[in-house]
Protein backbone atom coordinates (compact mmCIF):
# COMPACT_ATOMS: atom_id res chain seq x y z
CA UNK A 1 -22.16 -39.07 80.76
CA UNK A 2 -22.39 -37.56 77.29
CA UNK A 3 -18.87 -36.28 77.79
CA UNK A 4 -17.64 -39.80 78.59
CA UNK A 5 -19.39 -41.20 75.54
CA UNK A 6 -17.79 -38.55 73.33
CA UNK A 7 -14.42 -39.40 74.88
CA UNK A 8 -14.86 -43.06 73.93
CA UNK A 9 -15.81 -42.07 70.38
CA UNK A 10 -12.74 -39.83 70.15
CA UNK A 11 -10.46 -42.63 71.34
CA UNK A 12 -11.99 -45.08 68.86
CA UNK A 13 -11.45 -42.61 66.00
CA UNK A 14 -7.84 -42.01 67.03
CA UNK A 15 -5.41 -43.44 64.49
CA UNK A 16 -2.91 -45.84 65.98
CA UNK A 17 0.55 -45.13 64.58
CA UNK A 18 2.46 -47.71 66.63
CA UNK A 19 -0.10 -50.48 67.11
CA UNK A 20 1.58 -52.99 64.83
CA UNK A 21 5.24 -53.67 65.50
CA UNK A 22 7.40 -55.96 63.44
CA UNK A 23 8.42 -59.14 65.23
CA UNK A 24 11.96 -58.87 63.89
CA UNK A 25 12.56 -55.40 65.30
CA UNK A 26 14.76 -55.27 68.36
CA UNK A 27 13.80 -53.81 71.72
CA UNK A 28 16.70 -51.32 71.53
CA UNK A 29 15.13 -49.28 68.72
CA UNK A 30 14.40 -45.60 69.13
CA UNK A 31 10.70 -46.47 68.78
CA UNK A 32 10.57 -47.49 72.43
CA UNK A 33 10.84 -43.85 73.54
CA UNK A 34 7.63 -42.20 74.63
CA UNK A 35 6.38 -39.72 72.06
CA UNK A 36 4.59 -37.17 74.23
CA UNK A 37 3.22 -35.25 71.26
CA UNK A 38 1.08 -38.27 70.38
CA UNK A 39 -0.36 -38.24 73.89
CA UNK A 40 -0.91 -34.49 74.28
CA UNK A 41 -2.17 -33.70 70.76
CA UNK A 42 -5.02 -35.88 69.55
CA UNK A 43 -6.50 -35.05 66.17
CA UNK A 44 -10.25 -34.67 66.44
CA UNK A 45 -12.81 -34.35 63.63
CA UNK A 46 -14.56 -30.99 63.60
CA UNK A 47 -18.01 -32.49 64.14
CA UNK A 48 -16.83 -34.38 67.22
CA UNK A 49 -15.06 -31.27 68.50
CA UNK A 50 -18.29 -29.28 68.11
CA UNK A 51 -20.19 -31.96 70.04
CA UNK A 52 -17.57 -31.81 72.83
CA UNK A 53 -17.84 -28.03 72.83
CA UNK A 54 -21.65 -28.11 73.10
CA UNK A 55 -21.56 -30.62 75.98
CA UNK A 56 -18.84 -28.59 77.73
CA UNK A 57 -20.80 -25.34 77.36
CA UNK A 58 -23.93 -26.98 78.76
CA UNK A 59 -22.00 -28.56 81.61
CA UNK A 60 -20.28 -25.29 82.46
CA UNK A 61 -23.60 -23.42 82.38
CA UNK A 62 -25.16 -25.98 84.71
CA UNK A 63 -22.22 -25.80 87.14
CA UNK A 64 -22.34 -21.99 87.12
CA UNK A 65 -26.10 -22.12 87.65
CA UNK A 66 -25.70 -24.40 90.63
CA UNK A 67 -23.19 -21.99 92.12
CA UNK A 68 -25.34 -18.93 91.48
CA UNK A 69 -28.73 -20.35 92.45
CA UNK A 70 -27.74 -22.83 95.14
CA UNK A 71 -28.43 -22.52 98.82
CA UNK A 72 -25.87 -20.79 101.02
CA UNK A 73 -24.41 -24.10 102.16
CA UNK A 74 -24.12 -25.45 98.62
CA UNK A 75 -22.55 -22.33 97.10
CA UNK A 76 -19.11 -23.41 98.21
CA UNK A 77 -17.14 -25.09 95.50
CA UNK A 78 -17.79 -28.79 95.75
CA UNK A 79 -15.49 -31.39 94.23
CA UNK A 80 -18.03 -32.16 91.51
CA UNK A 81 -18.41 -28.49 90.58
CA UNK A 82 -14.64 -28.04 90.35
CA UNK A 83 -14.37 -31.26 88.32
CA UNK A 84 -17.06 -30.11 85.88
CA UNK A 85 -15.34 -26.75 85.43
CA UNK A 86 -11.91 -28.33 85.03
CA UNK A 87 -13.24 -30.57 82.28
CA UNK A 88 -15.38 -27.92 80.55
CA UNK A 89 -13.10 -24.89 80.56
CA UNK A 90 -10.40 -26.34 78.25
CA UNK A 91 -13.05 -27.05 75.62
CA UNK A 92 -14.37 -23.49 75.88
CA UNK A 93 -10.80 -22.16 75.54
CA UNK A 94 -10.33 -24.22 72.35
CA UNK A 95 -13.28 -22.35 70.83
CA UNK A 96 -11.48 -19.06 71.42
CA UNK A 97 -7.92 -20.16 70.67
CA UNK A 98 -8.04 -22.47 67.64
CA UNK A 99 -4.41 -23.79 67.66
CA UNK A 100 -5.02 -25.85 70.82
CA UNK A 101 -8.15 -27.53 69.47
CA UNK A 102 -6.45 -30.95 69.43
CA UNK A 103 -5.09 -30.70 72.98
CA UNK A 104 -5.87 -33.73 75.15
CA UNK A 105 -8.60 -33.02 77.72
CA UNK A 106 -9.23 -35.76 80.31
CA UNK A 107 -12.97 -36.14 79.72
CA UNK A 108 -12.95 -39.60 81.24
CA UNK A 109 -12.93 -37.93 84.67
CA UNK A 110 -16.55 -36.85 84.06
CA UNK A 111 -17.65 -40.37 84.99
CA UNK A 112 -16.92 -39.49 88.64
CA UNK A 113 -19.31 -36.57 88.40
CA UNK A 114 -21.93 -38.91 86.98
CA UNK A 115 -21.33 -41.33 89.84
CA UNK A 116 -21.86 -38.52 92.36
CA UNK A 117 -25.15 -37.68 90.63
CA UNK A 118 -26.16 -41.36 90.86
CA UNK A 119 -25.32 -41.33 94.57
CA UNK A 120 -27.48 -38.24 95.09
CA UNK A 121 -30.41 -39.80 93.22
CA UNK A 122 -30.13 -43.00 95.27
CA UNK A 123 -30.00 -41.01 98.51
CA UNK A 124 -33.07 -39.00 97.50
CA UNK A 125 -34.90 -42.14 96.47
CA UNK A 126 -33.98 -43.83 99.75
CA UNK A 127 -35.28 -40.84 101.70
CA UNK A 128 -38.48 -40.57 99.63
CA UNK A 129 -39.43 -44.23 100.02
CA UNK A 130 -39.11 -43.94 103.79
CA UNK A 131 -36.59 -46.74 103.85
CA UNK A 132 -39.01 -49.35 102.55
CA UNK A 133 -36.42 -50.52 100.08
CA UNK A 134 -33.23 -52.31 100.95
CA UNK A 135 -30.27 -50.13 101.86
CA UNK A 136 -28.07 -53.03 100.82
CA UNK A 137 -29.37 -52.82 97.25
CA UNK A 138 -28.51 -49.12 97.18
CA UNK A 139 -25.00 -49.84 98.46
CA UNK A 140 -24.50 -52.55 95.84
CA UNK A 141 -25.42 -50.05 93.11
CA UNK A 142 -23.02 -47.48 94.60
CA UNK A 143 -20.18 -50.02 94.74
CA UNK A 144 -20.90 -51.15 91.18
CA UNK A 145 -20.81 -47.53 90.04
CA UNK A 146 -17.50 -46.99 91.81
CA UNK A 147 -15.99 -50.09 90.21
CA UNK A 148 -17.19 -48.95 86.77
CA UNK A 149 -15.62 -45.52 87.30
CA UNK A 150 -12.35 -47.09 88.44
CA UNK A 151 -12.25 -49.34 85.37
CA UNK A 152 -13.12 -46.46 83.03
CA UNK A 153 -10.44 -44.14 84.41
CA UNK A 154 -7.74 -46.80 84.70
């Protein structure tokens, strides 16, 4: 979730070059073309980049630890493990190769990993309480988490 929070901070700090358009400009201007360089290269302050790098290194270490220390049935690459690595590796590469430091990395996808962790906690809690609590309440929390993830990634 720290990765998602840092993503929101990075988006809020992003300067908007085409937010304000003159009302008298026509729709046929060249400004209507998509400028892919503004989407793929996002300037990021060094302190925020270092925070992203620290979170990515921790996340990658945890995913590698789960692979190395997990049980035989959990050593296979799960979707969450692949997602964590896919989000973390680009940040680690930016530490080695400085010119791509401002490359867009889809950190917002980390919310799905957080939702999977919430699902696992709810399942463990449901098992530990010997089903004394309402399964419906657990399902409502899972659906609310799914809706939040859909809204965040949309």
